[in-house]
Amino acid sequence: MSNESFATAVPAAIRRATQERPAAGGWTVRILAPEGVHELRLSSQRQVGRLALELERLGFALDVDARSETDFVFALETADAP
């Protein structure tokens, strides 16, 4: 997928995931995309799941080695990943 496509697809996925009203608590999600870093706060597991599925469809993977305060970090999968 081209960088231009990511520039529109990732924000669209974020908009869809955040359509529910925010509540207290929740999770912080960071998305490492070619056009930049997106950070957002989601209030429900449903929102996190919806976003994760859409990001996976776009070629992103959960970065389990991320060393940050963020609950979830998604990055594009690389060709050398198993």
N, C-alpha and C. Protein backbone atom coordinates (compact mmCIF):
# COMPACT_ATOMS: atom_id res chain seq x y z
N MET A 1 0.85 -1.17 0.00
CA MET A 1 0.00 0.00 0.00
C MET A 1 0.90 1.23 0.00
N SER A 2 0.55 2.22 -0.77
CA SER A 2 1.37 3.43 -0.87
C SER A 2 1.20 4.30 0.39
N ASN A 3 2.17 5.18 0.60
CA ASN A 3 2.09 6.10 1.74
C ASN A 3 0.85 6.97 1.67
N GLU A 4 0.44 7.36 0.46
CA GLU A 4 -0.78 8.17 0.30
C GLU A 4 -2.00 7.39 0.77
N SER A 5 -2.03 6.10 0.45
CA SER A 5 -3.15 5.28 0.88
C SER A 5 -3.18 5.16 2.41
N PHE A 6 -2.02 4.98 3.04
CA PHE A 6 -1.96 4.93 4.49
C PHE A 6 -2.41 6.25 5.10
N ALA A 7 -2.07 7.35 4.43
CA ALA A 7 -2.42 8.67 4.95
C ALA A 7 -3.93 8.86 5.04
N THR A 8 -4.70 8.14 4.26
CA THR A 8 -6.15 8.23 4.36
C THR A 8 -6.76 7.05 5.10
N ALA A 9 -6.17 5.86 4.96
CA ALA A 9 -6.75 4.65 5.57
C ALA A 9 -6.61 4.64 7.09
N VAL A 10 -5.47 5.05 7.61
CA VAL A 10 -5.26 5.00 9.06
C VAL A 10 -6.17 6.00 9.77
N PRO A 11 -6.25 7.27 9.35
CA PRO A 11 -7.19 8.18 10.01
C PRO A 11 -8.65 7.71 9.90
N ALA A 12 -9.01 7.09 8.79
CA ALA A 12 -10.38 6.57 8.64
C ALA A 12 -10.63 5.45 9.65
N ALA A 13 -9.66 4.58 9.86
CA ALA A 13 -9.80 3.50 10.84
C ALA A 13 -9.93 4.09 12.25
N ILE A 14 -9.18 5.12 12.54
CA ILE A 14 -9.26 5.78 13.85
C ILE A 14 -10.64 6.40 14.04
N ARG A 15 -11.15 7.09 13.03
CA ARG A 15 -12.49 7.70 13.13
C ARG A 15 -13.55 6.66 13.42
N ARG A 16 -13.50 5.54 12.71
CA ARG A 16 -14.50 4.50 12.92
C ARG A 16 -14.40 3.92 14.32
N ALA A 17 -13.20 3.73 14.83
CA ALA A 17 -13.00 3.13 16.15
C ALA A 17 -13.42 4.07 17.27
N THR A 18 -13.37 5.36 17.04
CA THR A 18 -13.65 6.32 18.10
C THR A 18 -15.05 6.92 18.01
N GLN A 19 -15.94 6.30 17.29
CA GLN A 19 -17.29 6.84 17.15
C GLN A 19 -18.09 6.79 18.46
N GLU A 20 -17.73 5.86 19.36
CA GLU A 20 -18.42 5.80 20.64
C GLU A 20 -17.94 6.93 21.54
N ARG A 21 -18.81 7.34 22.44
CA ARG A 21 -18.44 8.40 23.37
C ARG A 21 -17.40 7.90 24.35
N PRO A 22 -16.38 8.72 24.63
CA PRO A 22 -15.34 8.30 25.57
C PRO A 22 -15.89 8.17 26.98
N ALA A 23 -15.36 7.25 27.73
CA ALA A 23 -15.72 7.05 29.14
C ALA A 23 -14.45 7.14 29.97
N ALA A 24 -14.63 7.13 31.26
CA ALA A 24 -13.46 7.17 32.15
C ALA A 24 -12.65 5.89 31.95
N GLY A 25 -11.37 5.98 32.16
CA GLY A 25 -10.51 4.81 31.98
C GLY A 25 -10.21 4.58 30.52
N GLY A 26 -9.89 3.36 30.19
CA GLY A 26 -9.63 3.02 28.80
C GLY A 26 -8.18 2.71 28.54
N TRP A 27 -7.85 2.73 27.26
CA TRP A 27 -6.52 2.33 26.80
C TRP A 27 -5.96 3.37 25.86
N THR A 28 -4.64 3.53 25.90
CA THR A 28 -3.93 4.40 24.99
C THR A 28 -3.36 3.54 23.86
N VAL A 29 -3.59 3.99 22.63
CA VAL A 29 -3.13 3.26 21.45
C VAL A 29 -2.22 4.18 20.65
N ARG A 30 -1.07 3.66 20.25
CA ARG A 30 -0.15 4.40 19.38
C ARG A 30 -0.02 3.62 18.08
N ILE A 31 -0.14 4.34 16.95
CA ILE A 31 -0.03 3.72 15.63
C ILE A 31 1.17 4.36 14.93
N LEU A 32 2.15 3.54 14.59
CA LEU A 32 3.34 4.02 13.89
C LEU A 32 3.12 3.80 12.39
N ALA A 33 2.68 4.85 11.72
CA ALA A 33 2.34 4.79 10.31
C ALA A 33 3.39 5.54 9.49
N PRO A 34 3.46 5.26 8.19
CA PRO A 34 4.46 5.94 7.34
C PRO A 34 4.34 7.47 7.38
N GLU A 35 3.13 8.00 7.54
CA GLU A 35 2.98 9.45 7.51
C GLU A 35 3.17 10.08 8.88
N GLY A 36 3.35 9.26 9.92
CA GLY A 36 3.58 9.80 11.25
C GLY A 36 2.98 8.92 12.33
N VAL A 37 3.08 9.40 13.55
CA VAL A 37 2.59 8.66 14.71
C VAL A 37 1.21 9.20 15.08
N HIS A 38 0.28 8.28 15.30
CA HIS A 38 -1.06 8.64 15.75
C HIS A 38 -1.21 8.07 17.16
N GLU A 39 -1.67 8.90 18.09
CA GLU A 39 -1.91 8.41 19.44
C GLU A 39 -3.33 8.78 19.83
N LEU A 40 -4.06 7.82 20.38
CA LEU A 40 -5.44 8.07 20.75
C LEU A 40 -5.80 7.28 21.99
N ARG A 41 -6.90 7.68 22.59
CA ARG A 41 -7.40 7.03 23.80
C ARG A 41 -8.75 6.40 23.46
N LEU A 42 -8.88 5.10 23.72
CA LEU A 42 -10.13 4.40 23.46
C LEU A 42 -10.70 3.92 24.79
N SER A 43 -12.03 3.95 24.90
CA SER A 43 -12.65 3.67 26.19
C SER A 43 -13.19 2.25 26.34
N SER A 44 -13.32 1.50 25.25
CA SER A 44 -13.91 0.16 25.37
C SER A 44 -13.08 -0.88 24.62
N GLN A 45 -13.22 -2.13 25.07
CA GLN A 45 -12.55 -3.22 24.38
C GLN A 45 -13.06 -3.35 22.95
N ARG A 46 -14.33 -3.04 22.74
CA ARG A 46 -14.90 -3.10 21.40
C ARG A 46 -14.18 -2.14 20.46
N GLN A 47 -13.90 -0.93 20.94
CA GLN A 47 -13.18 0.05 20.12
C GLN A 47 -11.77 -0.44 19.80
N VAL A 48 -11.08 -0.96 20.81
CA VAL A 48 -9.72 -1.46 20.60
C VAL A 48 -9.74 -2.62 19.60
N GLY A 49 -10.68 -3.54 19.77
CA GLY A 49 -10.79 -4.68 18.86
C GLY A 49 -11.09 -4.27 17.44
N ARG A 50 -12.03 -3.35 17.27
CA ARG A 50 -12.39 -2.86 15.93
C ARG A 50 -11.19 -2.23 15.25
N LEU A 51 -10.47 -1.39 15.99
CA LEU A 51 -9.29 -0.73 15.42
C LEU A 51 -8.21 -1.75 15.10
N ALA A 52 -7.98 -2.71 16.01
CA ALA A 52 -6.94 -3.71 15.79
C ALA A 52 -7.22 -4.53 14.53
N LEU A 53 -8.48 -4.93 14.33
CA LEU A 53 -8.84 -5.70 13.14
C LEU A 53 -8.60 -4.89 11.86
N GLU A 54 -8.99 -3.64 11.89
CA GLU A 54 -8.81 -2.81 10.70
C GLU A 54 -7.33 -2.55 10.42
N LEU A 55 -6.56 -2.31 11.48
CA LEU A 55 -5.12 -2.09 11.29
C LEU A 55 -4.44 -3.35 10.78
N GLU A 56 -4.86 -4.51 11.27
CA GLU A 56 -4.30 -5.77 10.78
C GLU A 56 -4.58 -5.93 9.29
N ARG A 57 -5.77 -5.57 8.87
CA ARG A 57 -6.13 -5.64 7.45
C ARG A 57 -5.22 -4.73 6.61
N LEU A 58 -4.77 -3.63 7.20
CA LEU A 58 -3.90 -2.69 6.50
C LEU A 58 -2.42 -3.09 6.56
N GLY A 59 -2.10 -4.17 7.28
CA GLY A 59 -0.72 -4.63 7.33
C GLY A 59 0.02 -4.28 8.61
N PHE A 60 -0.70 -3.79 9.62
CA PHE A 60 -0.08 -3.44 10.89
C PHE A 60 -0.12 -4.65 11.82
N ALA A 61 0.82 -4.67 12.76
CA ALA A 61 0.86 -5.74 13.76
C ALA A 61 1.06 -5.11 15.13
N LEU A 62 0.60 -5.79 16.14
CA LEU A 62 0.80 -5.34 17.50
C LEU A 62 2.28 -5.50 17.82
N ASP A 63 2.90 -4.43 18.28
CA ASP A 63 4.32 -4.43 18.60
C ASP A 63 4.47 -4.83 20.06
N VAL A 64 4.74 -6.10 20.30
CA VAL A 64 4.81 -6.60 21.68
C VAL A 64 6.10 -6.21 22.38
N ASP A 65 7.09 -5.73 21.65
CA ASP A 65 8.35 -5.33 22.27
C ASP A 65 8.42 -3.84 22.55
N ALA A 66 7.33 -3.14 22.33
CA ALA A 66 7.33 -1.68 22.52
C ALA A 66 7.59 -1.36 23.99
N ARG A 67 8.54 -0.50 24.23
CA ARG A 67 8.87 -0.07 25.58
C ARG A 67 8.33 1.34 25.78
N SER A 68 7.06 1.42 26.14
CA SER A 68 6.46 2.74 26.34
C SER A 68 5.35 2.63 27.35
N GLU A 69 4.81 3.75 27.71
CA GLU A 69 3.68 3.82 28.64
C GLU A 69 2.37 3.51 27.93
N THR A 70 2.41 3.37 26.63
CA THR A 70 1.22 3.13 25.83
C THR A 70 0.74 1.69 26.00
N ASP A 71 -0.58 1.51 26.08
CA ASP A 71 -1.13 0.17 26.26
C ASP A 71 -0.93 -0.71 25.03
N PHE A 72 -1.17 -0.15 23.85
CA PHE A 72 -1.03 -0.89 22.60
C PHE A 72 -0.25 -0.05 21.60
N VAL A 73 0.71 -0.69 20.91
CA VAL A 73 1.46 -0.02 19.85
C VAL A 73 1.34 -0.89 18.61
N PHE A 74 0.90 -0.28 17.51
CA PHE A 74 0.79 -0.98 16.24
C PHE A 74 1.78 -0.37 15.26
N ALA A 75 2.50 -1.25 14.55
CA ALA A 75 3.47 -0.81 13.55
C ALA A 75 3.31 -1.67 12.31
N LEU A 76 3.74 -1.16 11.17
CA LEU A 76 3.68 -1.95 9.95
C LEU A 76 4.58 -3.16 10.08
N GLU A 77 4.08 -4.29 9.62
CA GLU A 77 4.91 -5.50 9.63
C GLU A 77 6.02 -5.33 8.61
N THR A 78 7.20 -5.84 8.95
CA THR A 78 8.31 -5.78 8.00
C THR A 78 8.43 -7.11 7.28
N ALA A 79 9.09 -7.09 6.16
CA ALA A 79 9.24 -8.29 5.33
C ALA A 79 10.05 -9.37 6.05
N ASP A 80 10.94 -8.99 6.97
CA ASP A 80 11.76 -9.99 7.65
C ASP A 80 11.11 -10.55 8.91
N ALA A 81 9.87 -10.13 9.20
CA ALA A 81 9.17 -10.66 10.37
C ALA A 81 8.75 -12.11 10.11
N PRO A 82 8.77 -12.95 11.15
CA PRO A 82 8.41 -14.38 10.96
C PRO A 82 6.95 -14.56 10.64
